[in-house]
Protein backbone atom coordinates (compact mmCIF):
# COMPACT_ATOMS: atom_id res chain seq x y z
CA MET A 1 -8.23 8.93 -19.59
CA CYS A 2 -7.75 11.80 -17.16
CA ALA A 3 -6.07 9.44 -14.70
CA ASP A 4 -3.63 8.38 -17.42
CA VAL A 5 -2.80 11.99 -18.25
CA LEU A 6 -2.20 12.79 -14.60
CA GLU A 7 0.02 9.76 -13.99
CA GLY A 8 2.69 10.54 -16.55
CA ASN A 9 4.70 13.48 -17.69
CA ARG A 10 4.08 12.71 -21.34
CA TRP A 11 1.29 15.27 -21.59
CA GLY A 12 3.01 17.94 -19.53
CA GLY A 13 1.74 19.87 -16.56
CA ASP A 14 -0.57 22.09 -18.59
CA ALA A 15 -3.19 19.35 -18.89
CA GLN A 16 -3.28 18.53 -15.19
CA PRO A 17 -5.57 21.32 -13.93
CA LYS A 18 -8.19 20.53 -16.59
CA CYS A 19 -8.00 16.80 -15.88
CA LEU A 20 -8.52 17.40 -12.16
CA GLU A 21 -11.48 19.64 -12.97
CA TYR A 22 -13.06 16.92 -15.11
CA LEU A 23 -12.37 14.19 -12.55
CA GLY A 24 -13.94 16.39 -9.87
CA ARG A 25 -17.20 16.40 -11.82
CA TYR A 26 -17.58 12.68 -11.03
CA GLY A 27 -17.86 13.49 -7.32
CA VAL A 28 -17.58 10.44 -5.07
CA HIS A 29 -17.26 8.19 -8.12
CA ALA A 30 -13.75 9.57 -8.78
CA LYS A 31 -12.51 8.36 -5.38
CA GLU A 32 -12.05 4.82 -6.70
CA ILE A 33 -9.12 5.94 -8.85
CA LEU A 34 -7.24 7.71 -6.04
CA PRO A 35 -4.88 4.75 -5.54
CA ARG A 36 -3.85 5.07 -9.21
CA LEU A 37 -3.01 8.72 -8.64
CA GLU A 38 -0.49 8.20 -5.83
CA GLY A 39 2.40 9.10 -8.14
CA THR A 40 0.59 12.29 -9.06
CA ARG A 41 0.26 13.22 -5.40
CA LYS A 42 4.01 12.64 -4.90
CA ARG A 43 4.70 15.21 -7.64
CA GLY A 44 2.76 17.79 -5.63
CA VAL A 45 -0.58 17.71 -7.42
CA LYS A 46 -3.36 18.39 -4.94
CA LEU A 47 -6.23 15.90 -5.04
CA GLU A 48 -8.41 17.39 -2.27
CA SER A 49 -11.34 18.08 -4.58
CA ILE A 50 -11.62 14.36 -5.25
CA GLU A 51 -10.80 13.22 -1.72
CA THR A 52 -13.44 15.44 -0.11
CA ALA A 53 -16.17 15.04 -2.75
CA THR A 54 -19.65 14.34 -1.44
CA GLU A 55 -21.70 14.76 -4.61
CA SER A 56 -22.91 11.62 -6.35
CA PRO A 57 -23.85 12.62 -9.90
CA PRO A 58 -25.31 9.96 -12.18
CA VAL A 59 -22.65 8.16 -14.18
CA VAL A 60 -23.60 7.03 -17.67
CA ASP A 61 -21.69 4.25 -19.39
CA LEU A 62 -20.16 4.98 -22.77
CA LYS A 63 -22.72 2.97 -24.76
CA GLU A 64 -25.63 4.86 -23.21
CA PHE A 65 -23.83 8.16 -23.73
CA MET A 66 -23.29 7.40 -27.41
CA GLU A 67 -26.93 6.41 -27.85
CA ARG A 68 -28.08 9.67 -26.27
CA ALA A 69 -25.68 11.69 -28.43
CA ALA A 70 -26.92 9.96 -31.60
CA LYS A 71 -30.50 10.98 -30.82
CA LYS A 72 -29.61 14.70 -30.66
């Protein structure tokens, strides 16, 4: 979803910093979407935090996330 927000102007520039922050939390896992963000880069949005990421946090699929949330 963050990649979609960054790609278009429909959400405005105000959402971009937060989206980059959230994408950065995925560490090296976010690098796979860099090709999708080429248009974003051309508009001057800096993607260094994703490009230089070295952390590899665990990624949980949506089903597992929902199951965990239901147990709380």
